[in-house]
Amino acid sequence: MIDRRTLARLVGAAAFAVAAWPAAAQEVTLKLHQFLPAQANVPKLILDVWADKVEIASDGRIKIERYPSMQLGGAPPQLMDQAIDGVADVVWTVVGYTPGRFPRTEVFELPFMVRDAEAGSSAYWQMFKSRMQEEFSDVHILATWVHGPGMIHTNKQITTPADMQGLKIRGATRQVNALIETLGATPVGMPVPAIPEALSKGVIDGTTIPWEVTPALKISELIEHHTEFEGDHLYNVTFVLAMNKARYEGLPDDLKQVIDDNSGLEFSIFAGGQMVAADGPSRQIAVDAGNSIVTLTEEQAAEWREAAQPVYDAWLSEMSDMGIDGQALIDEARALMDAYEG
């Protein structure tokens, strides 16, 4: 028979165990912040896939709150600092929104550098691991990738570099803007969400973006002419999925493993591939609208390649001034992409 004192001890121990259980199994809530609407292709096809997989693999111990369209405040160029400062736990951003801060990533933004987004994303991750970690030392990088073929959307038909003369064209990054200027247009830097208003108000005559993001911005309604390139992409933009360093390091080892298992090389390749897969349906919207789409062959693109050469020359000189061997980066990126395409 149990006396009252023993019973009280047992009840107290049980109560302590019940109270302690939620702490042991407590959810980790991560805030994921990015600049596109929730229904856009990258959030829908990439970021939500990543977040869902992490939640499932953690048996619900990790919950990821998704904040699209800069709902946590700030502007897209501030996203990297938000990850560093802990305003957000995870961010997806365009690396080039902070010009010159991550110079080695620009190798994948040079004109006609990338032919295949999956190959480019694979090479980008491998070179991040071997050459770029110091530049990103303030955050924990989860994935690196590039989009599909970069192209031009304008209010007039563009077939030659001369057609760019005098136009005001939006560019996303330093190297894209350098290309626009070299081709004779005036570059206007702005994040993706600002494009529709800039077009509708005549602030710009056109924009450089891949097909996949055009539906979210209603580009096919705002612009009637599109110029795309066969073969090597006219340009690319680099992205990262970045996590607050202290938040990652503070996770239990098993939850770190969940994050690791759903990040890295394979996810980077997946992300680049998903952006390309979204190009076709997005392009079809412009076709259905009766818009003009000019597809330049590799032979026709030769004139564009020649016109873009000064971008390479200037970048190599800048890298040299920074003590960086730019040509070695170009050679390694091309070798890794060639090896991926096999």
C-alpha atoms as a PDB file:
ATOM      1  CA  MET A   1       0.000   0.000   0.000  1.00  0.00           C
ATOM      2  CA  ILE A   2       1.362   3.485  -0.914  1.00  0.00           C
ATOM      3  CA  ASP A   3       1.335   6.109   1.849  1.00  0.00           C
ATOM      4  CA  ARG A   4       0.377   9.705   1.189  1.00  0.00           C
ATOM      5  CA  ARG A   5       3.959  10.979   1.126  1.00  0.00           C
ATOM      6  CA  THR A   6       5.033   8.385  -1.447  1.00  0.00           C
ATOM      7  CA  LEU A   7       1.941   9.075  -3.538  1.00  0.00           C
ATOM      8  CA  ALA A   8       2.681  12.802  -3.465  1.00  0.00           C
ATOM      9  CA  ARG A   9       6.241  12.175  -4.667  1.00  0.00           C
ATOM     10  CA  LEU A  10       4.990   9.968  -7.506  1.00  0.00           C
ATOM     11  CA  VAL A  11       2.353  12.508  -8.566  1.00  0.00           C
ATOM     12  CA  GLY A  12       4.959  15.279  -8.426  1.00  0.00           C
ATOM     13  CA  ALA A  13       7.412  13.281 -10.548  1.00  0.00           C
ATOM     14  CA  ALA A  14       4.722  12.542 -13.086  1.00  0.00           C
ATOM     15  CA  ALA A  15       3.711  16.170 -13.253  1.00  0.00           C
ATOM     16  CA  PHE A  16       7.342  17.186 -13.785  1.00  0.00           C
ATOM     17  CA  ALA A  17       7.701  14.651 -16.596  1.00  0.00           C
ATOM     18  CA  VAL A  18       4.568  15.942 -18.305  1.00  0.00           C
ATOM     19  CA  ALA A  19       5.750  19.542 -17.934  1.00  0.00           C
ATOM     20  CA  ALA A  20       9.197  18.686 -19.283  1.00  0.00           C
ATOM     21  CA  TRP A  21       7.903  16.726 -22.311  1.00  0.00           C
ATOM     22  CA  PRO A  22       6.777  19.721 -24.428  1.00  0.00           C
ATOM     23  CA  ALA A  23      10.174  21.354 -23.926  1.00  0.00           C
ATOM     24  CA  ALA A  24      11.938  18.241 -25.212  1.00  0.00           C
ATOM     25  CA  ALA A  25       9.669  18.044 -28.248  1.00  0.00           C
ATOM     26  CA  GLN A  26       9.250  21.773 -28.697  1.00  0.00           C
ATOM     27  CA  GLU A  27       8.836  23.073 -32.225  1.00  0.00           C
ATOM     28  CA  VAL A  28      11.545  25.178 -33.804  1.00  0.00           C
ATOM     29  CA  THR A  29       9.858  27.928 -35.780  1.00  0.00           C
ATOM     30  CA  LEU A  30      11.836  29.429 -38.653  1.00  0.00           C
ATOM     31  CA  LYS A  31      10.738  32.540 -40.520  1.00  0.00           C
ATOM     32  CA  LEU A  32      11.377  32.306 -44.279  1.00  0.00           C
ATOM     33  CA  HIS A  33      11.382  35.710 -45.987  1.00  0.00           C
ATOM     34  CA  GLN A  34      11.488  36.540 -49.698  1.00  0.00           C
ATOM     35  CA  PHE A  35      10.360  39.161 -52.202  1.00  0.00           C
ATOM     36  CA  LEU A  36       7.935  37.434 -54.586  1.00  0.00           C
ATOM     37  CA  PRO A  37       4.183  36.805 -54.133  1.00  0.00           C
ATOM     38  CA  ALA A  38       3.369  33.415 -52.637  1.00  0.00           C
ATOM     39  CA  GLN A  39       1.821  32.190 -55.909  1.00  0.00           C
ATOM     40  CA  ALA A  40       4.931  32.983 -58.004  1.00  0.00           C
ATOM     41  CA  ASN A  41       6.920  30.062 -59.373  1.00  0.00           C
ATOM     42  CA  VAL A  42       9.959  30.196 -57.087  1.00  0.00           C
ATOM     43  CA  PRO A  43       7.951  30.194 -53.840  1.00  0.00           C
ATOM     44  CA  LYS A  44       5.489  27.628 -55.170  1.00  0.00           C
ATOM     45  CA  LEU A  45       7.873  25.232 -56.920  1.00  0.00           C
ATOM     46  CA  ILE A  46      11.070  25.621 -54.875  1.00  0.00           C
ATOM     47  CA  LEU A  47      10.809  27.353 -51.504  1.00  0.00           C
ATOM     48  CA  ASP A  48       7.573  25.674 -50.416  1.00  0.00           C
ATOM     49  CA  VAL A  49       8.928  22.295 -51.531  1.00  0.00           C
ATOM     50  CA  TRP A  50      12.027  22.837 -49.394  1.00  0.00           C
ATOM     51  CA  ALA A  51      10.037  24.039 -46.386  1.00  0.00           C
ATOM     52  CA  ASP A  52       7.513  21.194 -46.623  1.00  0.00           C
ATOM     53  CA  LYS A  53      10.272  18.592 -46.833  1.00  0.00           C
ATOM     54  CA  VAL A  54      12.050  20.032 -43.794  1.00  0.00           C
ATOM     55  CA  GLU A  55       8.844  20.042 -41.778  1.00  0.00           C
ATOM     56  CA  ILE A  56       8.014  16.452 -42.704  1.00  0.00           C
ATOM     57  CA  ALA A  57      11.541  15.141 -42.180  1.00  0.00           C
ATOM     58  CA  SER A  58      11.647  16.740 -38.725  1.00  0.00           C
ATOM     59  CA  ASP A  59       8.383  14.979 -37.725  1.00  0.00           C
ATOM     60  CA  GLY A  60       6.861  18.380 -37.144  1.00  0.00           C
ATOM     61  CA  ARG A  61       9.576  19.603 -34.786  1.00  0.00           C
ATOM     62  CA  ILE A  62      10.519  22.314 -37.281  1.00  0.00           C
ATOM     63  CA  LYS A  63       7.822  24.671 -38.481  1.00  0.00           C
ATOM     64  CA  ILE A  64       8.627  27.110 -41.272  1.00  0.00           C
ATOM     65  CA  GLU A  65       6.532  30.254 -41.463  1.00  0.00           C
ATOM     66  CA  ARG A  66       6.565  31.653 -45.005  1.00  0.00           C
ATOM     67  CA  TYR A  67       6.586  35.421 -45.503  1.00  0.00           C
ATOM     68  CA  PRO A  68       6.306  36.409 -49.200  1.00  0.00           C
ATOM     69  CA  SER A  69       6.408  39.872 -50.753  1.00  0.00           C
ATOM     70  CA  MET A  70       8.687  41.332 -48.035  1.00  0.00           C
ATOM     71  CA  GLN A  71       5.969  40.939 -45.388  1.00  0.00           C
ATOM     72  CA  LEU A  72       8.544  41.198 -42.595  1.00  0.00           C
ATOM     73  CA  GLY A  73       9.456  44.653 -43.847  1.00  0.00           C
ATOM     74  CA  GLY A  74      12.396  46.164 -45.660  1.00  0.00           C
ATOM     75  CA  ALA A  75      13.337  46.036 -49.330  1.00  0.00           C
ATOM     76  CA  PRO A  76      14.731  43.083 -51.346  1.00  0.00           C
ATOM     77  CA  PRO A  77      18.340  44.371 -51.206  1.00  0.00           C
ATOM     78  CA  GLN A  78      18.122  44.143 -47.394  1.00  0.00           C
ATOM     79  CA  LEU A  79      17.308  40.429 -47.296  1.00  0.00           C
ATOM     80  CA  MET A  80      20.877  39.232 -46.839  1.00  0.00           C
ATOM     81  CA  ASP A  81      21.378  41.567 -43.889  1.00  0.00           C
ATOM     82  CA  GLN A  82      18.047  40.404 -42.468  1.00  0.00           C
ATOM     83  CA  ALA A  83      19.427  36.866 -42.450  1.00  0.00           C
ATOM     84  CA  ILE A  84      22.640  38.063 -40.815  1.00  0.00           C
ATOM     85  CA  ASP A  85      20.842  40.165 -38.194  1.00  0.00           C
ATOM     86  CA  GLY A  86      18.128  37.606 -37.430  1.00  0.00           C
ATOM     87  CA  VAL A  87      15.176  39.652 -38.697  1.00  0.00           C
ATOM     88  CA  ALA A  88      14.449  36.476 -40.671  1.00  0.00           C
ATOM     89  CA  ASP A  89      15.798  33.000 -40.025  1.00  0.00           C
ATOM     90  CA  VAL A  90      15.979  32.010 -43.707  1.00  0.00           C
ATOM     91  CA  VAL A  91      15.942  34.231 -46.798  1.00  0.00           C
ATOM     92  CA  TRP A  92      15.889  33.669 -50.533  1.00  0.00           C
ATOM     93  CA  THR A  93      17.495  36.510 -52.425  1.00  0.00           C
ATOM     94  CA  VAL A  94      19.295  37.668 -55.541  1.00  0.00           C
ATOM     95  CA  VAL A  95      22.978  37.877 -54.654  1.00  0.00           C
ATOM     96  CA  GLY A  96      23.497  40.836 -56.968  1.00  0.00           C
ATOM     97  CA  TYR A  97      20.991  42.991 -55.095  1.00  0.00           C
ATOM     98  CA  THR A  98      24.038  43.999 -53.025  1.00  0.00           C
ATOM     99  CA  PRO A  99      26.508  44.959 -55.793  1.00  0.00           C
ATOM    100  CA  GLY A 100      30.157  44.061 -55.302  1.00  0.00           C
ATOM    101  CA  ARG A 101      29.597  42.324 -51.965  1.00  0.00           C
ATOM    102  CA  PHE A 102      30.002  38.785 -53.287  1.00  0.00           C
ATOM    103  CA  PRO A 103      32.294  39.281 -56.300  1.00  0.00           C
ATOM    104  CA  ARG A 104      33.123  35.646 -57.066  1.00  0.00           C
ATOM    105  CA  THR A 105      29.460  34.776 -57.671  1.00  0.00           C
ATOM    106  CA  GLU A 106      29.475  37.192 -60.621  1.00  0.00           C
ATOM    107  CA  VAL A 107      31.309  34.626 -62.749  1.00  0.00           C
ATOM    108  CA  PHE A 108      27.904  33.001 -63.350  1.00  0.00           C
ATOM    109  CA  GLU A 109      26.349  36.346 -64.335  1.00  0.00           C
ATOM    110  CA  LEU A 110      28.738  37.073 -67.189  1.00  0.00           C
ATOM    111  CA  PRO A 111      27.159  37.203 -70.674  1.00  0.00           C
ATOM    112  CA  PHE A 112      26.802  33.898 -72.516  1.00  0.00           C
ATOM    113  CA  MET A 113      28.437  32.051 -69.611  1.00  0.00           C
ATOM    114  CA  VAL A 114      25.742  29.506 -68.744  1.00  0.00           C
ATOM    115  CA  ARG A 115      24.011  27.162 -71.183  1.00  0.00           C
ATOM    116  CA  ASP A 116      22.040  25.003 -68.751  1.00  0.00           C
ATOM    117  CA  ALA A 117      20.602  26.131 -65.401  1.00  0.00           C
ATOM    118  CA  GLU A 118      21.094  22.764 -63.704  1.00  0.00           C
ATOM    119  CA  ALA A 119      24.726  22.617 -64.826  1.00  0.00           C
ATOM    120  CA  GLY A 120      25.241  26.221 -63.742  1.00  0.00           C
ATOM    121  CA  SER A 121      23.630  25.600 -60.353  1.00  0.00           C
ATOM    122  CA  SER A 122      25.767  22.506 -59.811  1.00  0.00           C
ATOM    123  CA  ALA A 123      28.955  24.395 -60.664  1.00  0.00           C
ATOM    124  CA  TYR A 124      27.869  27.340 -58.505  1.00  0.00           C
ATOM    125  CA  TRP A 125      27.407  25.107 -55.431  1.00  0.00           C
ATOM    126  CA  GLN A 126      30.723  23.360 -55.957  1.00  0.00           C
ATOM    127  CA  MET A 127      32.536  26.662 -56.356  1.00  0.00           C
ATOM    128  CA  PHE A 128      30.723  28.105 -53.358  1.00  0.00           C
ATOM    129  CA  LYS A 129      32.093  25.231 -51.283  1.00  0.00           C
ATOM    130  CA  SER A 130      35.636  25.587 -52.619  1.00  0.00           C
ATOM    131  CA  ARG A 131      35.999  29.333 -53.296  1.00  0.00           C
ATOM    132  CA  MET A 132      33.160  31.474 -51.947  1.00  0.00           C
ATOM    133  CA  GLN A 133      32.521  30.490 -48.330  1.00  0.00           C
ATOM    134  CA  GLU A 134      34.606  33.361 -46.997  1.00  0.00           C
ATOM    135  CA  GLU A 135      32.396  35.864 -48.815  1.00  0.00           C
ATOM    136  CA  PHE A 136      29.336  34.335 -47.145  1.00  0.00           C
ATOM    137  CA  SER A 137      30.910  33.776 -43.724  1.00  0.00           C
ATOM    138  CA  ASP A 138      28.195  35.775 -41.916  1.00  0.00           C
ATOM    139  CA  VAL A 139      25.419  33.356 -42.934  1.00  0.00           C
ATOM    140  CA  HIS A 140      24.858  29.630 -43.359  1.00  0.00           C
ATOM    141  CA  ILE A 141      24.221  28.988 -47.055  1.00  0.00           C
ATOM    142  CA  LEU A 142      21.669  26.270 -47.795  1.00  0.00           C
ATOM    143  CA  ALA A 143      21.596  26.379 -51.603  1.00  0.00           C
ATOM    144  CA  THR A 144      22.940  28.295 -54.598  1.00  0.00           C
ATOM    145  CA  TRP A 145      21.433  28.369 -58.062  1.00  0.00           C
ATOM    146  CA  VAL A 146      20.862  30.259 -61.310  1.00  0.00           C
ATOM    147  CA  HIS A 147      17.720  30.705 -63.386  1.00  0.00           C
ATOM    148  CA  GLY A 148      17.018  29.640 -66.954  1.00  0.00           C
ATOM    149  CA  PRO A 149      17.833  31.715 -70.035  1.00  0.00           C
ATOM    150  CA  GLY A 150      17.945  35.432 -69.333  1.00  0.00           C
ATOM    151  CA  MET A 151      16.144  37.448 -71.981  1.00  0.00           C
ATOM    152  CA  ILE A 152      14.868  40.878 -72.945  1.00  0.00           C
ATOM    153  CA  HIS A 153      11.271  42.122 -72.799  1.00  0.00           C
ATOM    154  CA  THR A 154      10.703  45.519 -74.395  1.00  0.00           C
ATOM    155  CA  ASN A 155       8.146  47.857 -75.946  1.00  0.00           C
ATOM    156  CA  LYS A 156       9.841  47.503 -79.372  1.00  0.00           C
ATOM    157  CA  GLN A 157      11.244  44.573 -81.311  1.00  0.00           C
ATOM    158  CA  ILE A 158      14.894  43.774 -80.555  1.00  0.00           C
ATOM    159  CA  THR A 159      16.977  41.661 -82.934  1.00  0.00           C
ATOM    160  CA  THR A 160      20.445  43.278 -82.917  1.00  0.00           C
ATOM    161  CA  PRO A 161      22.519  45.113 -80.319  1.00  0.00           C
ATOM    162  CA  ALA A 162      21.901  48.319 -82.286  1.00  0.00           C
ATOM    163  CA  ASP A 163      18.189  48.016 -81.450  1.00  0.00           C
ATOM    164  CA  MET A 164      19.065  48.560 -77.787  1.00  0.00           C
ATOM    165  CA  GLN A 165      20.398  52.059 -78.412  1.00  0.00           C
ATOM    166  CA  GLY A 166      18.681  54.711 -76.317  1.00  0.00           C
ATOM    167  CA  LEU A 167      16.384  52.361 -74.398  1.00  0.00           C
ATOM    168  CA  LYS A 168      16.040  52.382 -70.607  1.00  0.00           C
ATOM    169  CA  ILE A 169      16.244  48.743 -69.526  1.00  0.00           C
ATOM    170  CA  ARG A 170      15.887  47.346 -66.025  1.00  0.00           C
ATOM    171  CA  GLY A 171      18.691  45.110 -64.819  1.00  0.00           C
ATOM    172  CA  ALA A 172      18.924  43.016 -61.652  1.00  0.00           C
ATOM    173  CA  THR A 173      22.634  42.963 -60.925  1.00  0.00           C
ATOM    174  CA  ARG A 174      25.894  44.776 -61.532  1.00  0.00           C
ATOM    175  CA  GLN A 175      26.939  42.500 -64.371  1.00  0.00           C
ATOM    176  CA  VAL A 176      23.526  42.566 -66.065  1.00  0.00           C
ATOM    177  CA  ASN A 177      23.602  46.353 -65.896  1.00  0.00           C
ATOM    178  CA  ALA A 178      27.126  46.350 -67.341  1.00  0.00           C
ATOM    179  CA  LEU A 179      25.861  44.248 -70.248  1.00  0.00           C
ATOM    180  CA  ILE A 180      22.895  46.565 -70.841  1.00  0.00           C
ATOM    181  CA  GLU A 181      25.178  49.608 -70.904  1.00  0.00           C
ATOM    182  CA  THR A 182      27.705  47.907 -73.190  1.00  0.00           C
ATOM    183  CA  LEU A 183      24.876  47.137 -75.632  1.00  0.00           C
ATOM    184  CA  GLY A 184      24.024  50.844 -75.836  1.00  0.00           C
ATOM    185  CA  ALA A 185      21.014  51.041 -73.531  1.00  0.00           C
ATOM    186  CA  THR A 186      20.699  52.843 -70.209  1.00  0.00           C
ATOM    187  CA  PRO A 187      20.606  50.392 -67.282  1.00  0.00           C
ATOM    188  CA  VAL A 188      18.077  51.039 -64.529  1.00  0.00           C
ATOM    189  CA  GLY A 189      18.686  48.906 -61.470  1.00  0.00           C
ATOM    190  CA  MET A 190      15.682  47.763 -59.467  1.00  0.00           C
ATOM    191  CA  PRO A 191      14.394  44.610 -57.737  1.00  0.00           C
ATOM    192  CA  VAL A 192      11.849  42.406 -59.485  1.00  0.00           C
ATOM    193  CA  PRO A 193       8.749  43.676 -57.596  1.00  0.00           C
ATOM    194  CA  ALA A 194       9.310  47.231 -58.882  1.00  0.00           C
ATOM    195  CA  ILE A 195       9.183  46.248 -62.573  1.00  0.00           C
ATOM    196  CA  PRO A 196       5.406  46.445 -63.298  1.00  0.00           C
ATOM    197  CA  GLU A 197       5.000  49.979 -61.963  1.00  0.00           C
ATOM    198  CA  ALA A 198       8.177  51.137 -63.719  1.00  0.00           C
ATOM    199  CA  LEU A 199       6.889  49.758 -67.019  1.00  0.00           C
ATOM    200  CA  SER A 200       3.373  51.143 -66.634  1.00  0.00           C
ATOM    201  CA  LYS A 201       4.706  54.620 -65.783  1.00  0.00           C
ATOM    202  CA  GLY A 202       7.266  54.632 -68.591  1.00  0.00           C
ATOM    203  CA  VAL A 203      10.226  54.802 -66.216  1.00  0.00           C
ATOM    204  CA  ILE A 204      11.750  51.946 -68.228  1.00  0.00           C
ATOM    205  CA  ASP A 205      11.270  50.762 -71.804  1.00  0.00           C
ATOM    206  CA  GLY A 206      11.880  47.125 -70.976  1.00  0.00           C
ATOM    207  CA  THR A 207      13.372  44.649 -68.580  1.00  0.00           C
ATOM    208  CA  THR A 208      15.703  41.691 -68.373  1.00  0.00           C
ATOM    209  CA  ILE A 209      14.139  38.690 -66.604  1.00  0.00           C
ATOM    210  CA  PRO A 210      13.663  34.997 -67.416  1.00  0.00           C
ATOM    211  CA  TRP A 211      10.311  33.720 -68.643  1.00  0.00           C
ATOM    212  CA  GLU A 212       9.390  31.972 -65.392  1.00  0.00           C
ATOM    213  CA  VAL A 213       8.761  35.131 -63.369  1.00  0.00           C
ATOM    214  CA  THR A 214       6.784  36.988 -66.073  1.00  0.00           C
ATOM    215  CA  PRO A 215       3.306  35.738 -65.032  1.00  0.00           C
ATOM    216  CA  ALA A 216       3.681  37.033 -61.461  1.00  0.00           C
ATOM    217  CA  LEU A 217       4.550  40.469 -62.885  1.00  0.00           C
ATOM    218  CA  LYS A 218       1.998  40.389 -65.748  1.00  0.00           C
ATOM    219  CA  ILE A 219       4.802  41.191 -68.185  1.00  0.00           C
ATOM    220  CA  SER A 220       2.937  39.783 -71.186  1.00  0.00           C
ATOM    221  CA  GLU A 221       0.202  42.347 -70.550  1.00  0.00           C
ATOM    222  CA  LEU A 222       2.574  45.268 -70.104  1.00  0.00           C
ATOM    223  CA  ILE A 223       4.970  44.495 -72.988  1.00  0.00           C
ATOM    224  CA  GLU A 224       4.448  43.062 -76.489  1.00  0.00           C
ATOM    225  CA  HIS A 225       7.978  42.164 -77.580  1.00  0.00           C
ATOM    226  CA  HIS A 226      10.292  39.474 -76.229  1.00  0.00           C
ATOM    227  CA  THR A 227      13.809  38.502 -77.384  1.00  0.00           C
ATOM    228  CA  GLU A 228      15.280  35.134 -76.444  1.00  0.00           C
ATOM    229  CA  PHE A 229      18.497  33.347 -77.409  1.00  0.00           C
ATOM    230  CA  GLU A 230      19.222  29.787 -78.454  1.00  0.00           C
ATOM    231  CA  GLY A 231      22.242  28.088 -76.870  1.00  0.00           C
ATOM    232  CA  ASP A 232      24.189  29.970 -74.212  1.00  0.00           C
ATOM    233  CA  HIS A 233      22.091  32.301 -72.090  1.00  0.00           C
ATOM    234  CA  LEU A 234      22.405  36.028 -72.721  1.00  0.00           C
ATOM    235  CA  TYR A 235      22.864  36.407 -68.960  1.00  0.00           C
ATOM    236  CA  ASN A 236      22.016  34.769 -65.640  1.00  0.00           C
ATOM    237  CA  VAL A 237      21.357  35.910 -62.102  1.00  0.00           C
ATOM    238  CA  THR A 238      22.652  34.114 -59.013  1.00  0.00           C
ATOM    239  CA  PHE A 239      20.464  33.241 -56.022  1.00  0.00           C
ATOM    240  CA  VAL A 240      21.093  31.924 -52.525  1.00  0.00           C
ATOM    241  CA  LEU A 241      18.940  30.382 -49.836  1.00  0.00           C
ATOM    242  CA  ALA A 242      20.649  31.639 -46.677  1.00  0.00           C
ATOM    243  CA  MET A 243      20.056  30.950 -42.982  1.00  0.00           C
ATOM    244  CA  ASN A 244      20.962  32.957 -39.917  1.00  0.00           C
ATOM    245  CA  LYS A 245      24.206  31.421 -38.721  1.00  0.00           C
ATOM    246  CA  ALA A 246      23.433  31.409 -34.994  1.00  0.00           C
ATOM    247  CA  ARG A 247      19.972  29.963 -35.636  1.00  0.00           C
ATOM    248  CA  TYR A 248      21.473  27.054 -37.571  1.00  0.00           C
ATOM    249  CA  GLU A 249      24.271  26.440 -35.098  1.00  0.00           C
ATOM    250  CA  GLY A 250      21.803  26.525 -32.196  1.00  0.00           C
ATOM    251  CA  LEU A 251      19.728  23.654 -33.561  1.00  0.00           C
ATOM    252  CA  PRO A 252      20.032  20.182 -32.021  1.00  0.00           C
ATOM    253  CA  ASP A 253      22.307  17.941 -34.097  1.00  0.00           C
ATOM    254  CA  ASP A 254      19.432  15.850 -35.424  1.00  0.00           C
ATOM    255  CA  LEU A 255      17.583  18.944 -36.666  1.00  0.00           C
ATOM    256  CA  LYS A 256      20.756  20.308 -38.207  1.00  0.00           C
ATOM    257  CA  GLN A 257      20.915  17.022 -40.078  1.00  0.00           C
ATOM    258  CA  VAL A 258      17.361  17.526 -41.337  1.00  0.00           C
ATOM    259  CA  ILE A 259      18.358  20.941 -42.714  1.00  0.00           C
ATOM    260  CA  ASP A 260      21.553  19.517 -44.221  1.00  0.00           C
ATOM    261  CA  ASP A 261      19.773  16.569 -45.827  1.00  0.00           C
ATOM    262  CA  ASN A 262      17.399  18.907 -47.644  1.00  0.00           C
ATOM    263  CA  SER A 263      19.986  21.469 -48.737  1.00  0.00           C
ATOM    264  CA  GLY A 264      23.241  21.549 -50.673  1.00  0.00           C
ATOM    265  CA  LEU A 265      24.154  20.310 -54.139  1.00  0.00           C
ATOM    266  CA  GLU A 266      21.079  18.254 -54.994  1.00  0.00           C
ATOM    267  CA  PHE A 267      18.661  20.922 -53.878  1.00  0.00           C
ATOM    268  CA  SER A 268      20.608  23.605 -55.769  1.00  0.00           C
ATOM    269  CA  ILE A 269      20.357  21.570 -58.976  1.00  0.00           C
ATOM    270  CA  PHE A 270      16.661  20.938 -58.307  1.00  0.00           C
ATOM    271  CA  ALA A 271      16.016  24.659 -57.837  1.00  0.00           C
ATOM    272  CA  GLY A 272      17.743  25.617 -61.086  1.00  0.00           C
ATOM    273  CA  GLY A 273      15.822  22.887 -62.896  1.00  0.00           C
ATOM    274  CA  GLN A 274      12.481  24.038 -61.504  1.00  0.00           C
ATOM    275  CA  MET A 275      13.060  27.567 -62.741  1.00  0.00           C
ATOM    276  CA  VAL A 276      13.733  26.247 -66.239  1.00  0.00           C
ATOM    277  CA  ALA A 277      10.685  23.977 -66.095  1.00  0.00           C
ATOM    278  CA  ALA A 278       8.532  27.023 -65.350  1.00  0.00           C
ATOM    279  CA  ASP A 279       9.828  28.904 -68.410  1.00  0.00           C
ATOM    280  CA  GLY A 280       7.696  27.000 -70.939  1.00  0.00           C
ATOM    281  CA  PRO A 281       4.247  27.572 -69.390  1.00  0.00           C
ATOM    282  CA  SER A 282       5.155  31.203 -68.730  1.00  0.00           C
ATOM    283  CA  ARG A 283       6.275  31.698 -72.324  1.00  0.00           C
ATOM    284  CA  GLN A 284       2.997  30.210 -73.526  1.00  0.00           C
ATOM    285  CA  ILE A 285       1.124  33.062 -71.859  1.00  0.00           C
ATOM    286  CA  ALA A 286       2.937  35.515 -74.150  1.00  0.00           C
ATOM    287  CA  VAL A 287       2.209  33.270 -77.153  1.00  0.00           C
ATOM    288  CA  ASP A 288      -1.488  33.139 -76.272  1.00  0.00           C
ATOM    289  CA  ALA A 289      -1.526  36.918 -75.904  1.00  0.00           C
ATOM    290  CA  GLY A 290      -0.270  37.258 -79.485  1.00  0.00           C
ATOM    291  CA  ASN A 291       2.949  38.928 -78.454  1.00  0.00           C
ATOM    292  CA  SER A 292       6.018  39.077 -80.695  1.00  0.00           C
ATOM    293  CA  ILE A 293       8.756  36.606 -79.690  1.00  0.00           C
ATOM    294  CA  VAL A 294      12.099  36.805 -81.488  1.00  0.00           C
ATOM    295  CA  THR A 295      14.313  33.743 -81.031  1.00  0.00           C
ATOM    296  CA  LEU A 296      17.885  34.496 -82.069  1.00  0.00           C
ATOM    297  CA  THR A 297      19.959  31.572 -83.325  1.00  0.00           C
ATOM    298  CA  GLU A 298      23.493  30.981 -82.083  1.00  0.00           C
ATOM    299  CA  GLU A 299      24.740  32.434 -85.380  1.00  0.00           C
ATOM    300  CA  GLN A 300      22.658  35.582 -84.883  1.00  0.00           C
ATOM    301  CA  ALA A 301      23.892  35.793 -81.287  1.00  0.00           C
ATOM    302  CA  ALA A 302      27.524  36.046 -82.480  1.00  0.00           C
ATOM    303  CA  GLU A 303      27.101  39.806 -82.913  1.00  0.00           C
ATOM    304  CA  TRP A 304      25.776  40.041 -79.353  1.00  0.00           C
ATOM    305  CA  ARG A 305      28.702  37.999 -78.031  1.00  0.00           C
ATOM    306  CA  GLU A 306      31.173  40.326 -79.686  1.00  0.00           C
ATOM    307  CA  ALA A 307      29.364  43.374 -78.335  1.00  0.00           C
ATOM    308  CA  ALA A 308      29.393  41.879 -74.824  1.00  0.00           C
ATOM    309  CA  GLN A 309      33.146  41.176 -74.712  1.00  0.00           C
ATOM    310  CA  PRO A 310      33.971  44.457 -72.893  1.00  0.00           C
ATOM    311  CA  VAL A 311      31.943  43.155 -69.925  1.00  0.00           C
ATOM    312  CA  TYR A 312      34.430  40.293 -69.568  1.00  0.00           C
ATOM    313  CA  ASP A 313      37.413  42.597 -69.960  1.00  0.00           C
ATOM    314  CA  ALA A 314      36.151  45.015 -67.310  1.00  0.00           C
ATOM    315  CA  TRP A 315      35.243  42.214 -64.878  1.00  0.00           C
ATOM    316  CA  LEU A 316      38.621  40.522 -65.195  1.00  0.00           C
ATOM    317  CA  SER A 317      40.343  43.847 -64.524  1.00  0.00           C
ATOM    318  CA  GLU A 318      38.165  44.496 -61.475  1.00  0.00           C
ATOM    319  CA  MET A 319      38.811  41.019 -60.092  1.00  0.00           C
ATOM    320  CA  SER A 320      42.546  41.511 -60.588  1.00  0.00           C
ATOM    321  CA  ASP A 321      42.395  44.766 -58.634  1.00  0.00           C
ATOM    322  CA  MET A 322      40.746  42.819 -55.796  1.00  0.00           C
ATOM    323  CA  GLY A 323      43.415  40.117 -55.862  1.00  0.00           C
ATOM    324  CA  ILE A 324      41.046  37.580 -57.416  1.00  0.00           C
ATOM    325  CA  ASP A 325      41.993  35.447 -60.420  1.00  0.00           C
ATOM    326  CA  GLY A 326      38.883  35.994 -62.518  1.00  0.00           C
ATOM    327  CA  GLN A 327      40.073  33.880 -65.436  1.00  0.00           C
ATOM    328  CA  ALA A 328      40.580  30.927 -63.090  1.00  0.00           C
ATOM    329  CA  LEU A 329      36.974  31.326 -61.925  1.00  0.00           C
ATOM    330  CA  ILE A 330      35.745  31.393 -65.532  1.00  0.00           C
ATOM    331  CA  ASP A 331      37.798  28.346 -66.471  1.00  0.00           C
ATOM    332  CA  GLU A 332      36.656  26.356 -63.431  1.00  0.00           C
ATOM    333  CA  ALA A 333      32.997  27.278 -63.902  1.00  0.00           C
ATOM    334  CA  ARG A 334      33.087  26.212 -67.552  1.00  0.00           C
ATOM    335  CA  ALA A 335      34.888  22.962 -66.742  1.00  0.00           C
ATOM    336  CA  LEU A 336      32.365  22.067 -64.020  1.00  0.00           C
ATOM    337  CA  MET A 337      29.398  22.871 -66.275  1.00  0.00           C
ATOM    338  CA  ASP A 338      30.893  20.853 -69.126  1.00  0.00           C
ATOM    339  CA  ALA A 339      31.460  17.907 -66.779  1.00  0.00           C
ATOM    340  CA  TYR A 340      27.836  18.080 -65.581  1.00  0.00           C
ATOM    341  CA  GLU A 341      26.465  18.122 -69.114  1.00  0.00           C
ATOM    342  CA  GLY A 342      28.861  15.268 -69.938  1.00  0.00           C
END
